[in-house]
Amino acid sequence: MNKNRFRVEKVGSIALALVALGGAFQPARADDPTVPTLVSFTLSPNSIEVTSNEPAISLDLVVHNSAGIYTTQTLITLTDGASNKVLIPIARTDSPINPGLETVEFKGTYRATSSLPAGVYRATSAPIYGLTSTGAQGFATQPFTATSTASLVGATNGILIRNGGDLNFAYSTFTGPTFNTLTPHIFTNPKYSSTALPIWKVGETFNPSDYYEINVPSLSLKAKATTPTVCTSDGTKIKLIAVGDCSFIVYTDKTMDYQYKEDTEIVSVTAARTKPTFSVGTISTQSSSTLPLSIPGPLVYSPFGLVTPVSATPAVCYPVGSYVTIISGGTCTLNYSTPESPSYLASDVVPLTFQITRAAQTLNFTVPTSLPISVKNFVLNATASSGGLVTFESETPVICSVTGNSLKLLQAGSCQLKALQAGSGTISPVSVTQSIALLTNSPTVGRDIAVKKVVCTRNGKSKTYKGTKCPAGYKMKK
């Protein structure tokens, strides 16, 4: 019987016996062949110039297998992913060959010629075979892919082969457009998966950046129109100017790294969007005596249907469906508008304003006509008919200041004071302004400053007047 056949049959019978005993797992035996594993596979440098004196690429492949490596040399395929391909032999570095060596290094060098087309090339190895414990050829690996330090977008782990500095890399520098459903696209940024369709109407501007995802941040997305009677371009955006078919190209320029890339689209441009108009009606003056209050609002319609207003005075009123809830006296303002759509522009904001009356109140606030600044501080008093809190403020803070109800006299002049009661949802606010002359002398508090007086006579009767002259028809008494 063949020795290998006997060993397989024997192993198989042992496995069946184990299953019969309960299916216990039996680890692989030491003489079973194993697949070599990759330690490293690198390319260097990450870029070469084929017109230089030393356009060489070094390849280094290291593999491991506990039973040893059967392969003594292998082939590396260097390809740009298209029709350009180079085969490079690399050989083991151990000499003489040591079959039992567990970790084996393969090395090779490729010197590029000027006939090699520029581009980004990647390297893969042919399968590497291991040894069995008996020294026979064992299992093979899958092809390995080399790594490099290249960091150019789209060229990771590649070799950049340039000719005269030009890489000529055929890479998708952008993805899109989102609105072309005939060609599905996979976007990295989720915003492009939910972008609304462009509006192809006269007067609109198409911005490619909203519908094409740039894949190379260092590049700029550009656009040009090819039907100037229908659409024009400023180099980055497309302006729709007339009804008809607009043809335009979205592209990125050729650079020392990337090839020129473009996408051509033809769209049908229709008549311009219009701005909808509507009337909002009126609401009569309301009373705050029975707050809160709910009243029906006007039914306002646009091309989109019923328009729901937004309150500009939510502390006074707010809409609830087709009704308006009033929670305070004052001025209620409701703003009606509609957003833009593919068929219409956004409308103007149309306000509806009405009043909610509040009960009036009075405020009693008196102060002396004058005060000497030597007083320094004076207590202010005022009362409101509503019984609410009254606050004070100075309208001339350089002359006098107010803290709480304490007036501080700062310098001579006219001190202007205001007393305020803020009101409430049902009571109107009220304020009263008073003036105090702040003097450098010390007149009696609360009394008028003394003035000169004269005694005048007419028809034998005397009368006293303030001032230095008598009125017409009178003579000064001597």
Protein backbone atom coordinates (compact mmCIF):
# COMPACT_ATOMS: atom_id res chain seq x y z
CA MET A 1 0.00 0.00 0.00
CA ASN A 2 1.16 3.54 -0.82
CA LYS A 3 2.69 5.16 2.28
CA ASN A 4 0.84 8.49 1.84
CA ARG A 5 -2.38 6.66 1.14
CA PHE A 6 -1.91 4.64 4.29
CA ARG A 7 -1.30 7.78 6.34
CA VAL A 8 -4.47 9.47 5.03
CA GLU A 9 -6.53 6.33 5.63
CA LYS A 10 -5.08 6.03 9.13
CA VAL A 11 -5.82 9.67 9.98
CA GLY A 12 -9.31 9.28 8.57
CA SER A 13 -9.97 6.20 10.71
CA ILE A 14 -8.73 8.03 13.82
CA ALA A 15 -11.04 10.97 13.03
CA LEU A 16 -14.00 8.60 12.66
CA ALA A 17 -13.15 7.01 15.96
CA LEU A 18 -13.07 10.41 17.67
CA VAL A 19 -16.48 11.25 16.21
CA ALA A 20 -17.80 7.97 17.53
CA LEU A 21 -16.45 8.86 20.99
CA GLY A 22 -18.24 12.21 21.05
CA GLY A 23 -16.73 14.40 18.30
CA ALA A 24 -13.82 15.78 20.39
CA PHE A 25 -11.52 18.16 18.43
CA GLN A 26 -8.06 16.83 17.59
CA PRO A 27 -5.35 19.49 16.82
CA ALA A 28 -3.22 19.16 13.67
CA ARG A 29 -0.21 16.85 13.94
CA ALA A 30 3.32 18.22 13.80
CA ASP A 31 3.98 16.62 10.39
CA ASP A 32 0.88 18.13 8.74
CA PRO A 33 1.81 20.80 6.10
CA THR A 34 0.97 24.45 6.94
CA VAL A 35 0.55 27.59 4.82
CA PRO A 36 3.41 30.12 5.03
CA THR A 37 2.46 33.49 6.52
CA LEU A 38 3.49 36.97 5.41
CA VAL A 39 5.93 38.87 7.64
CA SER A 40 6.39 41.88 5.34
CA PHE A 41 6.34 42.85 1.67
CA THR A 42 7.65 46.34 0.89
CA LEU A 43 8.57 48.55 -2.05
CA SER A 44 11.05 51.41 -1.96
CA PRO A 45 11.35 54.21 -2.77
CA ASN A 46 7.71 55.27 -3.12
CA SER A 47 8.42 57.32 -6.25
CA ILE A 48 10.88 57.13 -9.16
CA GLU A 49 11.58 59.22 -12.26
CA VAL A 50 12.20 57.07 -15.35
CA THR A 51 14.31 59.79 -16.98
CA SER A 52 16.77 59.84 -14.06
CA ASN A 53 20.05 57.92 -13.86
CA GLU A 54 18.89 55.56 -11.11
CA PRO A 55 15.21 54.68 -11.69
CA ALA A 56 15.43 51.57 -9.50
CA ILE A 57 12.77 49.89 -7.31
CA SER A 58 13.75 47.56 -4.49
CA LEU A 59 11.39 44.75 -3.51
CA ASP A 60 11.64 42.90 -0.20
CA LEU A 61 9.38 39.95 0.74
CA VAL A 62 9.67 38.10 4.06
CA VAL A 63 7.62 34.93 4.83
CA HIS A 64 7.50 32.44 7.68
CA ASN A 65 6.70 28.74 7.97
CA SER A 66 7.59 26.51 10.91
CA ALA A 67 8.45 23.60 8.59
CA GLY A 68 10.51 25.73 6.19
CA ILE A 69 9.97 27.36 2.77
CA TYR A 70 9.98 25.28 -0.44
CA THR A 71 10.08 28.23 -2.91
CA THR A 72 13.56 29.47 -3.87
CA GLN A 73 12.50 32.32 -6.16
CA THR A 74 9.25 33.90 -7.27
CA LEU A 75 7.82 36.52 -9.63
CA ILE A 76 6.43 39.91 -8.70
CA THR A 77 3.84 41.49 -10.97
CA LEU A 78 4.07 45.29 -11.13
CA THR A 79 0.97 46.76 -12.81
CA ASP A 80 -0.92 50.04 -13.06
CA GLY A 81 -4.21 48.13 -13.06
CA ALA A 82 -4.70 48.71 -16.79
CA SER A 83 -2.68 47.25 -19.67
CA ASN A 84 0.80 48.07 -18.35
CA LYS A 85 2.49 45.20 -16.55
CA VAL A 86 6.05 44.21 -15.58
CA LEU A 87 7.26 40.84 -14.21
CA ILE A 88 10.15 41.06 -11.74
CA PRO A 89 11.97 37.94 -10.40
CA ILE A 90 13.09 37.99 -6.76
CA ALA A 91 15.17 35.30 -5.04
CA ARG A 92 15.94 34.04 -1.54
CA THR A 93 18.77 35.75 0.26
CA ASP A 94 19.97 32.69 2.21
CA SER A 95 22.93 31.08 0.46
CA PRO A 96 23.33 28.23 0.33
CA ILE A 97 19.59 27.52 0.47
CA ASN A 98 18.50 26.26 3.88
CA PRO A 99 15.21 24.37 3.39
CA GLY A 100 14.53 24.23 7.11
CA LEU A 101 14.85 28.01 7.61
CA GLU A 102 11.57 29.16 9.13
CA THR A 103 11.76 32.86 8.16
CA VAL A 104 12.94 33.51 4.61
CA GLU A 105 13.65 36.79 2.83
CA PHE A 106 13.26 37.31 -0.93
CA LYS A 107 14.84 40.34 -2.60
CA GLY A 108 15.01 41.87 -6.04
CA THR A 109 15.52 45.11 -7.92
CA TYR A 110 13.77 46.50 -10.98
CA ARG A 111 15.33 49.23 -13.08
CA ALA A 112 12.62 51.07 -14.99
CA THR A 113 13.20 52.25 -18.54
CA SER A 114 11.91 55.45 -20.12
CA SER A 115 9.50 53.34 -22.16
CA LEU A 116 7.54 52.40 -19.03
CA PRO A 117 4.36 54.54 -19.01
CA ALA A 118 3.95 56.85 -16.04
CA GLY A 119 1.37 55.97 -13.44
CA VAL A 120 0.73 54.41 -10.05
CA TYR A 121 1.89 50.80 -9.99
CA ARG A 122 1.21 48.15 -7.35
CA ALA A 123 3.07 44.90 -6.76
CA THR A 124 1.71 41.40 -6.06
CA SER A 125 3.67 38.21 -5.55
CA ALA A 126 3.17 34.76 -7.00
CA PRO A 127 2.20 32.10 -4.40
CA ILE A 128 4.92 30.97 -1.99
CA TYR A 129 5.10 27.25 -1.12
CA GLY A 130 5.98 25.85 2.27
CA LEU A 131 7.55 22.53 3.20
CA THR A 132 6.07 19.57 4.97
CA SER A 133 7.86 17.97 7.90
CA THR A 134 9.17 15.34 5.46
CA GLY A 135 10.73 17.97 3.17
CA ALA A 136 8.12 17.71 0.42
CA GLN A 137 6.37 20.66 -1.24
CA GLY A 138 3.57 21.87 1.02
CA PHE A 139 0.69 24.31 0.77
CA ALA A 140 0.89 27.57 -1.19
CA THR A 141 -0.06 31.05 -0.06
CA GLN A 142 -2.44 33.42 -1.78
CA PRO A 143 -0.68 36.22 -3.70
CA PHE A 144 0.71 38.93 -1.37
CA THR A 145 0.34 42.68 -2.01
CA ALA A 146 3.25 45.00 -1.28
CA THR A 147 3.13 48.15 0.83
CA SER A 148 4.94 51.47 0.38
CA THR A 149 5.06 54.88 2.02
CA ALA A 150 3.20 56.61 -0.83
CA SER A 151 0.61 59.03 0.59
CA LEU A 152 -0.88 60.54 -2.57
CA VAL A 153 -4.69 60.29 -2.53
CA GLY A 154 -5.64 57.09 -4.35
CA ALA A 155 -2.04 55.85 -4.53
CA THR A 156 -1.60 54.33 -1.08
CA ASN A 157 0.88 51.40 -1.09
CA GLY A 158 1.84 52.08 -4.68
CA ILE A 159 4.96 53.12 -6.54
CA LEU A 160 4.66 56.52 -8.26
CA ILE A 161 6.40 56.18 -11.60
CA ARG A 162 6.89 59.59 -13.21
CA ASN A 163 8.13 60.64 -16.61
CA GLY A 164 9.48 64.17 -16.71
CA GLY A 165 7.77 64.76 -13.36
CA ASP A 166 4.37 63.80 -14.76
CA LEU A 167 2.55 60.94 -12.98
CA ASN A 168 -0.49 60.90 -15.29
CA PHE A 169 -2.52 59.07 -12.63
CA ALA A 170 -5.93 57.98 -13.94
CA TYR A 171 -7.91 58.47 -10.74
CA SER A 172 -11.52 59.46 -10.08
CA THR A 173 -10.81 62.90 -8.65
CA PHE A 174 -14.54 63.46 -8.04
CA THR A 175 -17.71 61.40 -7.71
CA GLY A 176 -21.11 62.35 -9.08
CA PRO A 177 -23.41 63.86 -9.91
CA THR A 178 -26.04 62.98 -7.34
CA PHE A 179 -28.90 63.76 -9.75
CA ASN A 180 -27.82 61.35 -12.50
CA THR A 181 -29.74 58.22 -11.55
CA LEU A 182 -28.66 56.34 -14.68
CA THR A 183 -25.16 55.98 -13.25
CA PRO A 184 -25.15 55.01 -9.56
CA HIS A 185 -22.43 56.57 -7.43
CA ILE A 186 -21.05 55.72 -4.00
CA PHE A 187 -20.32 58.83 -1.92
CA THR A 188 -18.11 59.04 1.15
CA ASN A 189 -19.81 62.10 2.66
CA PRO A 190 -23.39 61.17 3.66
CA LYS A 191 -24.66 64.65 2.71
CA TYR A 192 -24.45 63.66 -0.96
CA SER A 193 -26.78 60.72 -0.37
CA SER A 194 -29.65 63.04 0.64
CA THR A 195 -29.07 66.06 -1.62
CA ALA A 196 -32.21 67.48 -3.26
CA LEU A 197 -32.41 67.68 -7.04
CA PRO A 198 -31.12 70.85 -8.71
CA ILE A 199 -33.70 73.38 -9.92
CA TRP A 200 -33.33 73.70 -13.67
CA LYS A 201 -35.21 76.98 -14.15
CA VAL A 202 -34.30 80.36 -15.61
CA GLY A 203 -32.59 82.59 -13.06
CA GLU A 204 -31.21 79.73 -10.96
CA THR A 205 -27.53 79.05 -10.31
CA PHE A 206 -26.14 75.51 -10.33
CA ASN A 207 -23.20 74.93 -7.97
CA PRO A 208 -21.42 71.64 -8.84
CA SER A 209 -19.92 71.41 -5.33
CA ASP A 210 -23.42 70.68 -4.01
CA TYR A 211 -23.82 67.63 -6.27
CA TYR A 212 -20.28 66.33 -6.93
CA GLU A 213 -18.01 65.05 -4.15
CA ILE A 214 -14.37 66.01 -4.61
CA ASN A 215 -12.08 63.06 -3.78
CA VAL A 216 -8.77 64.94 -3.87
CA PRO A 217 -8.92 67.92 -1.46
CA SER A 218 -6.02 69.68 -3.20
CA LEU A 219 -8.01 69.96 -6.45
CA SER A 220 -10.78 72.42 -7.34
CA LEU A 221 -14.03 71.44 -9.00
CA LYS A 222 -14.63 73.61 -12.09
CA ALA A 223 -17.48 74.07 -14.57
CA LYS A 224 -17.98 75.45 -18.07
CA ALA A 225 -21.12 75.91 -20.17
CA THR A 226 -21.16 74.88 -23.83
CA THR A 227 -24.57 76.40 -24.73
CA PRO A 228 -24.06 80.12 -23.98
CA THR A 229 -27.52 81.19 -25.17
CA VAL A 230 -29.15 79.04 -22.48
CA CYS A 231 -26.55 78.95 -19.68
CA THR A 232 -23.28 80.64 -18.81
CA SER A 233 -20.44 79.94 -16.38
CA ASP A 234 -18.04 81.93 -14.21
CA GLY A 235 -15.65 78.97 -14.06
CA THR A 236 -17.11 77.31 -10.98
CA LYS A 237 -20.91 77.71 -11.27
CA ILE A 238 -23.52 77.53 -14.02
CA LYS A 239 -26.09 80.35 -14.46
CA LEU A 240 -29.35 79.42 -16.24
CA ILE A 241 -30.40 82.38 -18.40
CA ALA A 242 -32.99 81.12 -20.92
CA VAL A 243 -35.44 78.31 -21.63
CA GLY A 244 -33.86 75.44 -23.58
CA ASP A 245 -31.24 72.69 -23.30
CA CYS A 246 -28.19 73.61 -21.24
CA SER A 247 -25.02 71.60 -21.82
CA PHE A 248 -22.19 71.96 -19.33
CA ILE A 249 -19.00 70.19 -18.23
CA VAL A 250 -17.84 69.66 -14.65
CA TYR A 251 -14.14 68.86 -14.43
CA THR A 252 -10.82 68.91 -12.58
CA ASP A 253 -7.70 70.14 -14.35
CA LYS A 254 -4.75 67.93 -15.23
CA THR A 255 -1.88 68.28 -12.76
CA MET A 256 1.58 66.74 -12.38
CA ASP A 257 -0.17 63.98 -10.41
CA TYR A 258 -3.65 63.44 -11.89
CA GLN A 259 -5.15 63.16 -15.35
CA TYR A 260 -7.88 65.57 -16.49
CA LYS A 261 -11.33 64.27 -15.52
CA GLU A 262 -14.71 65.56 -16.67
CA ASP A 263 -18.43 64.85 -16.59
CA THR A 264 -20.77 66.24 -19.26
CA GLU A 265 -24.46 66.85 -18.57
CA ILE A 266 -27.38 68.15 -20.66
CA VAL A 267 -30.43 69.47 -18.79
CA SER A 268 -33.70 71.04 -19.85
CA VAL A 269 -34.18 74.58 -18.49
CA THR A 270 -37.79 75.73 -17.98
CA ALA A 271 -39.42 79.07 -17.11
CA ALA A 272 -38.31 80.93 -13.99
CA ARG A 273 -39.86 80.36 -10.59
CA THR A 274 -42.29 82.99 -9.32
CA LYS A 275 -42.91 84.36 -5.85
CA PRO A 276 -46.40 83.46 -4.51
CA THR A 277 -48.57 86.22 -3.06
CA PHE A 278 -51.49 86.01 -0.64
CA SER A 279 -53.69 88.18 1.59
CA VAL A 280 -53.89 87.53 5.33
CA GLY A 281 -57.01 89.51 6.27
CA THR A 282 -57.48 91.15 9.70
CA ILE A 283 -58.30 90.35 13.32
CA SER A 284 -60.24 92.91 15.37
CA THR A 285 -59.01 94.36 18.67
CA GLN A 286 -59.45 91.95 21.57
CA SER A 287 -59.82 92.45 25.33
CA SER A 288 -57.50 90.97 27.93
CA SER A 289 -60.27 90.71 30.52
CA THR A 290 -60.85 86.97 29.93
CA LEU A 291 -57.37 85.60 29.25
CA PRO A 292 -56.33 83.09 28.08
CA LEU A 293 -58.40 83.50 24.95
CA SER A 294 -58.64 81.38 21.77
CA ILE A 295 -60.04 83.02 18.64
CA PRO A 296 -60.27 81.82 15.01
CA GLY A 297 -57.57 83.21 12.73
CA PRO A 298 -57.98 84.00 9.04
CA LEU A 299 -57.62 81.08 6.62
CA VAL A 300 -54.70 82.00 4.35
CA TYR A 301 -53.99 79.95 1.22
CA SER A 302 -51.01 79.77 -1.12
CA PRO A 303 -50.21 77.45 -4.05
CA PHE A 304 -49.03 74.97 -1.39
CA GLY A 305 -52.34 75.04 0.49
CA LEU A 306 -53.13 76.46 3.94
CA VAL A 307 -50.42 78.73 5.34
CA THR A 308 -49.70 78.41 9.07
CA PRO A 309 -48.34 81.61 10.64
CA VAL A 310 -45.42 82.02 13.05
CA SER A 311 -45.83 84.29 16.06
CA ALA A 312 -43.42 87.22 16.25
CA THR A 313 -44.77 87.96 19.77
CA PRO A 314 -44.99 84.56 21.51
CA ALA A 315 -45.31 86.20 24.96
CA VAL A 316 -48.61 87.72 23.75
CA CYS A 317 -50.06 85.20 21.28
CA TYR A 318 -49.30 82.12 19.24
CA PRO A 319 -51.10 80.05 16.54
CA VAL A 320 -52.65 76.65 17.22
CA GLY A 321 -53.90 75.17 13.98
CA SER A 322 -56.33 77.69 12.46
CA TYR A 323 -56.85 79.41 15.87
CA VAL A 324 -54.85 82.03 17.75
CA THR A 325 -54.28 81.66 21.49
CA ILE A 326 -53.92 84.97 23.37
CA ILE A 327 -52.14 84.88 26.72
CA SER A 328 -51.40 88.55 27.40
CA GLY A 329 -52.45 92.06 26.51
CA GLY A 330 -50.36 94.10 24.10
CA THR A 331 -49.59 93.80 20.37
CA CYS A 332 -49.95 90.42 18.64
CA THR A 333 -48.04 89.93 15.38
CA LEU A 334 -48.41 86.80 13.24
CA ASN A 335 -46.09 86.33 10.24
CA TYR A 336 -47.31 84.40 7.20
CA SER A 337 -44.85 83.05 4.61
CA THR A 338 -44.12 80.04 2.42
CA PRO A 339 -40.71 78.43 1.76
CA GLU A 340 -39.16 77.98 -1.64
CA SER A 341 -39.89 74.85 -3.66
CA PRO A 342 -38.77 73.49 -7.02
CA SER A 343 -41.64 75.47 -8.60
CA TYR A 344 -41.83 78.65 -6.49
CA LEU A 345 -39.53 81.11 -4.78
CA ALA A 346 -39.96 81.82 -1.08
CA SER A 347 -42.77 84.32 -0.48
CA ASP A 348 -42.42 87.65 1.28
CA VAL A 349 -43.26 87.66 4.99
CA VAL A 350 -46.76 89.12 5.38
CA PRO A 351 -47.55 90.26 8.95
CA LEU A 352 -50.95 90.37 10.61
CA THR A 353 -51.03 92.67 13.66
CA PHE A 354 -53.83 93.39 16.14
CA GLN A 355 -54.16 94.76 19.67
CA ILE A 356 -55.23 93.16 22.92
CA THR A 357 -56.33 95.98 25.20
CA ARG A 358 -55.34 96.16 28.87
CA ALA A 359 -56.87 98.08 31.78
CA ALA A 360 -55.32 101.52 32.38
CA GLN A 361 -53.62 102.49 35.65
CA THR A 362 -52.33 105.74 37.15
CA LEU A 363 -49.05 106.57 38.82
CA ASN A 364 -48.52 109.20 41.54
CA PHE A 365 -44.92 110.45 41.53
CA THR A 366 -43.87 113.80 43.00
CA VAL A 367 -40.43 115.21 43.81
CA PRO A 368 -39.13 118.59 45.09
CA THR A 369 -38.63 121.22 42.42
CA SER A 370 -35.06 121.72 43.65
CA LEU A 371 -32.46 120.22 45.95
CA PRO A 372 -28.99 121.31 47.04
CA ILE A 373 -26.35 118.78 46.01
CA SER A 374 -25.13 118.87 49.61
CA VAL A 375 -28.12 116.61 50.41
CA LYS A 376 -26.24 113.87 48.46
CA ASN A 377 -29.02 111.24 48.80
CA PHE A 378 -32.79 111.47 48.57
CA VAL A 379 -35.48 108.77 48.93
CA LEU A 380 -37.95 108.54 46.01
CA ASN A 381 -41.59 107.56 46.51
CA ALA A 382 -44.33 106.69 44.04
CA THR A 383 -47.52 104.62 44.07
CA ALA A 384 -49.50 102.94 41.27
CA SER A 385 -53.27 102.53 41.29
CA SER A 386 -52.77 98.83 40.48
CA GLY A 387 -50.68 98.38 43.62
CA GLY A 388 -47.83 96.98 41.53
CA LEU A 389 -44.13 97.56 42.15
CA VAL A 390 -42.80 100.93 40.96
CA THR A 391 -39.23 101.23 39.74
CA PHE A 392 -37.13 104.34 39.16
CA GLU A 393 -34.45 105.30 36.68
CA SER A 394 -32.36 108.37 35.92
CA GLU A 395 -32.39 109.83 32.44
CA THR A 396 -29.44 112.07 33.35
CA PRO A 397 -26.96 109.66 35.02
CA VAL A 398 -24.15 112.24 34.96
CA ILE A 399 -26.25 114.62 37.12
CA CYS A 400 -27.96 112.03 39.32
CA SER A 401 -28.14 108.24 39.63
CA VAL A 402 -30.71 105.84 41.04
CA THR A 403 -30.23 102.61 42.97
CA GLY A 404 -33.53 101.04 43.96
CA ASN A 405 -35.51 104.03 45.33
CA SER A 406 -32.43 105.96 46.46
CA LEU A 407 -31.49 109.05 44.44
CA LYS A 408 -27.83 110.08 44.53
CA LEU A 409 -27.07 113.73 43.72
CA LEU A 410 -23.84 113.96 41.74
CA GLN A 411 -23.53 117.54 40.46
CA ALA A 412 -25.51 120.72 39.84
CA GLY A 413 -27.92 120.62 36.93
CA SER A 414 -31.32 119.30 35.89
CA CYS A 415 -31.96 115.78 37.21
CA GLN A 416 -34.51 113.94 35.05
CA LEU A 417 -36.23 111.00 36.77
CA LYS A 418 -38.70 108.42 35.54
CA ALA A 419 -40.99 106.24 37.66
CA LEU A 420 -42.36 103.10 35.95
CA GLN A 421 -44.91 100.42 36.68
CA ALA A 422 -44.48 97.53 34.20
CA GLY A 423 -48.11 96.42 34.18
CA SER A 424 -49.20 92.82 33.56
CA GLY A 425 -51.02 90.71 31.05
CA THR A 426 -54.22 92.60 31.84
CA ILE A 427 -52.94 95.99 33.08
CA SER A 428 -51.16 98.53 30.86
CA PRO A 429 -47.74 99.83 31.87
CA VAL A 430 -47.45 103.45 32.99
CA SER A 431 -44.60 105.91 33.57
CA VAL A 432 -44.21 109.47 34.86
CA THR A 433 -41.20 111.77 34.39
CA GLN A 434 -40.22 114.49 36.89
CA SER A 435 -37.39 117.02 37.06
CA ILE A 436 -35.37 118.29 40.05
CA ALA A 437 -33.04 121.31 39.88
CA LEU A 438 -29.84 120.37 41.72
CA LEU A 439 -28.25 123.54 43.17
CA THR A 440 -24.90 124.39 44.67
CA ASN A 441 -26.51 126.64 47.41
CA SER A 442 -28.87 125.43 50.10
CA PRO A 443 -32.49 126.59 49.60
CA THR A 444 -35.20 125.18 51.82
CA VAL A 445 -36.15 121.74 50.67
CA GLY A 446 -39.53 121.75 48.94
CA ARG A 447 -39.84 125.59 48.66
CA ASP A 448 -39.27 127.92 45.74
CA ILE A 449 -36.03 129.87 45.67
CA ALA A 450 -36.57 133.52 46.82
CA VAL A 451 -37.07 136.02 43.98
CA LYS A 452 -37.23 139.84 43.90
CA LYS A 453 -40.69 141.42 44.28
CA VAL A 454 -42.11 144.92 43.43
CA VAL A 455 -45.24 146.82 44.63
CA CYS A 456 -47.31 148.33 41.82
CA THR A 457 -50.28 150.76 42.00
CA ARG A 458 -53.21 151.56 39.72
CA ASN A 459 -56.25 153.73 40.58
CA GLY A 460 -55.01 154.07 44.16
CA LYS A 461 -54.77 150.31 44.71
CA SER A 462 -51.53 148.46 45.40
CA LYS A 463 -50.50 144.95 44.29
CA THR A 464 -47.30 142.95 44.72
CA TYR A 465 -45.67 141.25 41.69
CA LYS A 466 -42.59 139.02 41.30
CA GLY A 467 -39.79 140.51 39.25
CA THR A 468 -38.33 143.99 38.75
CA LYS A 469 -41.05 145.66 36.62
CA CYS A 470 -44.79 146.38 36.92
CA PRO A 471 -47.25 145.10 34.33
CA ALA A 472 -48.66 147.47 31.72
CA GLY A 473 -51.07 150.03 33.27
CA TYR A 474 -49.36 149.89 36.69
CA LYS A 475 -46.83 152.21 38.31
CA MET A 476 -44.12 151.15 40.71
CA LYS A 477 -44.89 152.39 44.22
CA LYS A 478 -42.18 154.54 45.62
